[in-house]
């Protein structure tokens, strides 16, 4: 008789939410296969999930420079530098006087832009108020 207990896979630190959701759903589907007696299919899926997580872990552990980090996160380079200075993201540079390096998996520690979405009506009202002051 086979072991029907679900197998928990460890997600690498810094795994993007979309990837974590994908892996958890794939685990549920794999458990369903196993519960229905499809051991070979479940084992093959589990092997693929492990390879995916190994690749994701390698990518999350990769160190990148500030320019690459800013481009990937969609923020300016100073935002990344500020996160390093504030201690929200560890600095991985080998030489204290060298250029900042960060772990790709730590990029989620940089908050997305807190600015509200663009509202053209509010913008037009703001412009009109500024014109009245002139």
C-alpha atoms as a PDB file:
ATOM      1  CA  UNK A   1       0.000   0.000   0.000  1.00  0.00           C
ATOM      2  CA  UNK A   2       1.337   3.443  -0.842  1.00  0.00           C
ATOM      3  CA  UNK A   3       1.813   6.367   1.506  1.00  0.00           C
ATOM      4  CA  UNK A   4      -1.017   8.853   0.851  1.00  0.00           C
ATOM      5  CA  UNK A   5       0.251  11.629   3.112  1.00  0.00           C
ATOM      6  CA  UNK A   6       0.716  14.949   1.331  1.00  0.00           C
ATOM      7  CA  UNK A   7       4.321  15.922   0.690  1.00  0.00           C
ATOM      8  CA  UNK A   8       5.161  19.479   1.706  1.00  0.00           C
ATOM      9  CA  UNK A   9       7.657  21.314  -0.453  1.00  0.00           C
ATOM     10  CA  UNK A  10       9.744  24.099   1.070  1.00  0.00           C
ATOM     11  CA  UNK A  11       9.428  27.399  -0.762  1.00  0.00           C
ATOM     12  CA  UNK A  12      12.656  29.417  -1.058  1.00  0.00           C
ATOM     13  CA  UNK A  13      12.863  32.671   0.883  1.00  0.00           C
ATOM     14  CA  UNK A  14      11.618  35.522  -1.288  1.00  0.00           C
ATOM     15  CA  UNK A  15       9.419  33.356  -3.513  1.00  0.00           C
ATOM     16  CA  UNK A  16       7.018  35.622  -5.421  1.00  0.00           C
ATOM     17  CA  UNK A  17       3.376  35.201  -4.334  1.00  0.00           C
ATOM     18  CA  UNK A  18       2.289  34.016  -7.791  1.00  0.00           C
ATOM     19  CA  UNK A  19       4.866  31.209  -7.736  1.00  0.00           C
ATOM     20  CA  UNK A  20       3.952  30.195  -4.192  1.00  0.00           C
ATOM     21  CA  UNK A  21       0.276  30.003  -5.185  1.00  0.00           C
ATOM     22  CA  UNK A  22       1.163  27.936  -8.264  1.00  0.00           C
ATOM     23  CA  UNK A  23       3.238  25.458  -6.236  1.00  0.00           C
ATOM     24  CA  UNK A  24       0.563  25.090  -3.548  1.00  0.00           C
ATOM     25  CA  UNK A  25      -2.123  24.414  -6.176  1.00  0.00           C
ATOM     26  CA  UNK A  26       0.150  21.932  -7.948  1.00  0.00           C
ATOM     27  CA  UNK A  27       0.749  20.179  -4.620  1.00  0.00           C
ATOM     28  CA  UNK A  28      -3.004  19.867  -4.063  1.00  0.00           C
ATOM     29  CA  UNK A  29      -3.449  18.417  -7.551  1.00  0.00           C
ATOM     30  CA  UNK A  30      -0.559  16.003  -6.957  1.00  0.00           C
ATOM     31  CA  UNK A  31      -2.154  14.876  -3.688  1.00  0.00           C
ATOM     32  CA  UNK A  32      -5.412  14.258  -5.572  1.00  0.00           C
ATOM     33  CA  UNK A  33      -3.563  12.132  -8.115  1.00  0.00           C
ATOM     34  CA  UNK A  34      -1.949  10.154  -5.322  1.00  0.00           C
ATOM     35  CA  UNK A  35      -5.301   9.700  -3.534  1.00  0.00           C
ATOM     36  CA  UNK A  36      -6.768   8.316  -6.759  1.00  0.00           C
ATOM     37  CA  UNK A  37      -3.985   5.758  -7.195  1.00  0.00           C
ATOM     38  CA  UNK A  38      -1.965   7.544  -9.876  1.00  0.00           C
ATOM     39  CA  UNK A  39       1.346   7.123  -8.057  1.00  0.00           C
ATOM     40  CA  UNK A  40       3.566   7.405 -11.130  1.00  0.00           C
ATOM     41  CA  UNK A  41       1.913  10.606 -12.296  1.00  0.00           C
ATOM     42  CA  UNK A  42       2.117  12.045  -8.773  1.00  0.00           C
ATOM     43  CA  UNK A  43       5.802  11.105  -8.508  1.00  0.00           C
ATOM     44  CA  UNK A  44       6.554  12.710 -11.891  1.00  0.00           C
ATOM     45  CA  UNK A  45       4.733  15.921 -10.915  1.00  0.00           C
ATOM     46  CA  UNK A  46       6.544  16.004  -7.584  1.00  0.00           C
ATOM     47  CA  UNK A  47       9.908  15.622  -9.332  1.00  0.00           C
ATOM     48  CA  UNK A  48       9.054  18.521 -11.657  1.00  0.00           C
ATOM     49  CA  UNK A  49       7.948  20.693  -8.732  1.00  0.00           C
ATOM     50  CA  UNK A  50      11.216  19.993  -6.933  1.00  0.00           C
ATOM     51  CA  UNK A  51      13.186  20.996 -10.054  1.00  0.00           C
ATOM     52  CA  UNK A  52      11.116  24.167 -10.342  1.00  0.00           C
ATOM     53  CA  UNK A  53      11.774  25.084  -6.709  1.00  0.00           C
ATOM     54  CA  UNK A  54      15.499  24.356  -7.079  1.00  0.00           C
ATOM     55  CA  UNK A  55      15.658  26.712 -10.070  1.00  0.00           C
ATOM     56  CA  UNK A  56      13.588  29.345  -8.227  1.00  0.00           C
ATOM     57  CA  UNK A  57      15.859  29.084  -5.192  1.00  0.00           C
ATOM     58  CA  UNK A  58      18.947  29.577  -7.365  1.00  0.00           C
ATOM     59  CA  UNK A  59      17.395  32.646  -8.967  1.00  0.00           C
ATOM     60  CA  UNK A  60      16.261  34.093  -5.607  1.00  0.00           C
ATOM     61  CA  UNK A  61      19.768  33.641  -4.166  1.00  0.00           C
ATOM     62  CA  UNK A  62      21.467  35.381  -7.097  1.00  0.00           C
ATOM     63  CA  UNK A  63      23.118  38.677  -6.183  1.00  0.00           C
ATOM     64  CA  UNK A  64      22.462  41.603  -8.502  1.00  0.00           C
ATOM     65  CA  UNK A  65      23.566  45.226  -8.623  1.00  0.00           C
ATOM     66  CA  UNK A  66      21.383  48.217  -7.821  1.00  0.00           C
ATOM     67  CA  UNK A  67      20.700  48.995 -11.484  1.00  0.00           C
ATOM     68  CA  UNK A  68      19.381  45.479 -12.173  1.00  0.00           C
ATOM     69  CA  UNK A  69      17.376  45.461  -8.935  1.00  0.00           C
ATOM     70  CA  UNK A  70      15.729  48.780  -9.752  1.00  0.00           C
ATOM     71  CA  UNK A  71      14.870  47.647 -13.260  1.00  0.00           C
ATOM     72  CA  UNK A  72      13.348  44.360 -12.023  1.00  0.00           C
ATOM     73  CA  UNK A  73      11.336  46.054  -9.293  1.00  0.00           C
ATOM     74  CA  UNK A  74      10.261  48.967 -11.478  1.00  0.00           C
ATOM     75  CA  UNK A  75      11.579  51.654  -9.129  1.00  0.00           C
ATOM     76  CA  UNK A  76      14.445  54.114  -9.293  1.00  0.00           C
ATOM     77  CA  UNK A  77      17.899  53.090  -8.123  1.00  0.00           C
ATOM     78  CA  UNK A  78      17.730  55.453  -5.139  1.00  0.00           C
ATOM     79  CA  UNK A  79      14.705  53.539  -3.814  1.00  0.00           C
ATOM     80  CA  UNK A  80      16.827  50.383  -3.663  1.00  0.00           C
ATOM     81  CA  UNK A  81      19.750  52.240  -2.056  1.00  0.00           C
ATOM     82  CA  UNK A  82      17.374  53.735   0.516  1.00  0.00           C
ATOM     83  CA  UNK A  83      16.002  50.272   1.361  1.00  0.00           C
ATOM     84  CA  UNK A  84      19.569  49.048   1.927  1.00  0.00           C
ATOM     85  CA  UNK A  85      20.474  52.072   4.083  1.00  0.00           C
ATOM     86  CA  UNK A  86      17.252  51.719   6.111  1.00  0.00           C
ATOM     87  CA  UNK A  87      18.025  48.047   6.770  1.00  0.00           C
ATOM     88  CA  UNK A  88      14.961  46.710   4.945  1.00  0.00           C
ATOM     89  CA  UNK A  89      17.262  44.844   2.580  1.00  0.00           C
ATOM     90  CA  UNK A  90      20.691  43.417   3.410  1.00  0.00           C
ATOM     91  CA  UNK A  91      23.670  44.760   1.510  1.00  0.00           C
ATOM     92  CA  UNK A  92      25.655  41.908  -0.046  1.00  0.00           C
ATOM     93  CA  UNK A  93      28.699  43.838  -1.236  1.00  0.00           C
ATOM     94  CA  UNK A  94      32.032  42.295  -0.316  1.00  0.00           C
ATOM     95  CA  UNK A  95      33.878  45.606   0.026  1.00  0.00           C
ATOM     96  CA  UNK A  96      32.277  48.337   2.200  1.00  0.00           C
ATOM     97  CA  UNK A  97      33.401  50.968  -0.318  1.00  0.00           C
ATOM     98  CA  UNK A  98      32.198  48.937  -3.305  1.00  0.00           C
ATOM     99  CA  UNK A  99      28.893  49.117  -5.098  1.00  0.00           C
ATOM    100  CA  UNK A 100      25.765  47.813  -3.439  1.00  0.00           C
ATOM    101  CA  UNK A 101      24.684  44.280  -4.275  1.00  0.00           C
ATOM    102  CA  UNK A 102      21.416  42.747  -3.184  1.00  0.00           C
ATOM    103  CA  UNK A 103      19.890  39.299  -3.224  1.00  0.00           C
ATOM    104  CA  UNK A 104      17.149  39.028  -5.853  1.00  0.00           C
ATOM    105  CA  UNK A 105      14.859  37.315  -3.330  1.00  0.00           C
ATOM    106  CA  UNK A 106      15.070  40.358  -1.040  1.00  0.00           C
ATOM    107  CA  UNK A 107      13.525  42.689  -3.627  1.00  0.00           C
ATOM    108  CA  UNK A 108      10.036  42.023  -2.257  1.00  0.00           C
ATOM    109  CA  UNK A 109      11.104  43.933   0.852  1.00  0.00           C
ATOM    110  CA  UNK A 110      10.977  47.132  -1.175  1.00  0.00           C
ATOM    111  CA  UNK A 111       7.446  48.397  -0.929  1.00  0.00           C
ATOM    112  CA  UNK A 112       5.655  49.075  -4.142  1.00  0.00           C
ATOM    113  CA  UNK A 113       4.924  52.690  -4.839  1.00  0.00           C
ATOM    114  CA  UNK A 114       2.542  53.959  -2.146  1.00  0.00           C
ATOM    115  CA  UNK A 115       1.140  56.511  -4.564  1.00  0.00           C
ATOM    116  CA  UNK A 116      -2.527  56.091  -5.427  1.00  0.00           C
ATOM    117  CA  UNK A 117      -3.450  55.268  -9.005  1.00  0.00           C
ATOM    118  CA  UNK A 118      -3.592  58.200 -11.373  1.00  0.00           C
ATOM    119  CA  UNK A 119      -6.927  60.038 -11.317  1.00  0.00           C
ATOM    120  CA  UNK A 120      -7.284  62.546 -14.165  1.00  0.00           C
ATOM    121  CA  UNK A 121     -10.179  64.409 -12.483  1.00  0.00           C
ATOM    122  CA  UNK A 122      -8.166  65.024  -9.314  1.00  0.00           C
ATOM    123  CA  UNK A 123      -5.177  66.025 -11.415  1.00  0.00           C
ATOM    124  CA  UNK A 124      -7.249  68.543 -13.403  1.00  0.00           C
ATOM    125  CA  UNK A 125      -8.670  69.979 -10.188  1.00  0.00           C
ATOM    126  CA  UNK A 126      -5.168  70.345  -8.759  1.00  0.00           C
ATOM    127  CA  UNK A 127      -3.983  72.162 -11.894  1.00  0.00           C
ATOM    128  CA  UNK A 128      -6.999  74.462 -11.759  1.00  0.00           C
ATOM    129  CA  UNK A 129      -6.250  75.312  -8.121  1.00  0.00           C
ATOM    130  CA  UNK A 130      -2.643  76.116  -8.962  1.00  0.00           C
ATOM    131  CA  UNK A 131      -3.718  78.409 -11.813  1.00  0.00           C
ATOM    132  CA  UNK A 132      -6.085  80.303  -9.542  1.00  0.00           C
ATOM    133  CA  UNK A 133      -3.233  80.987  -7.135  1.00  0.00           C
ATOM    134  CA  UNK A 134      -1.187  82.568  -9.924  1.00  0.00           C
END
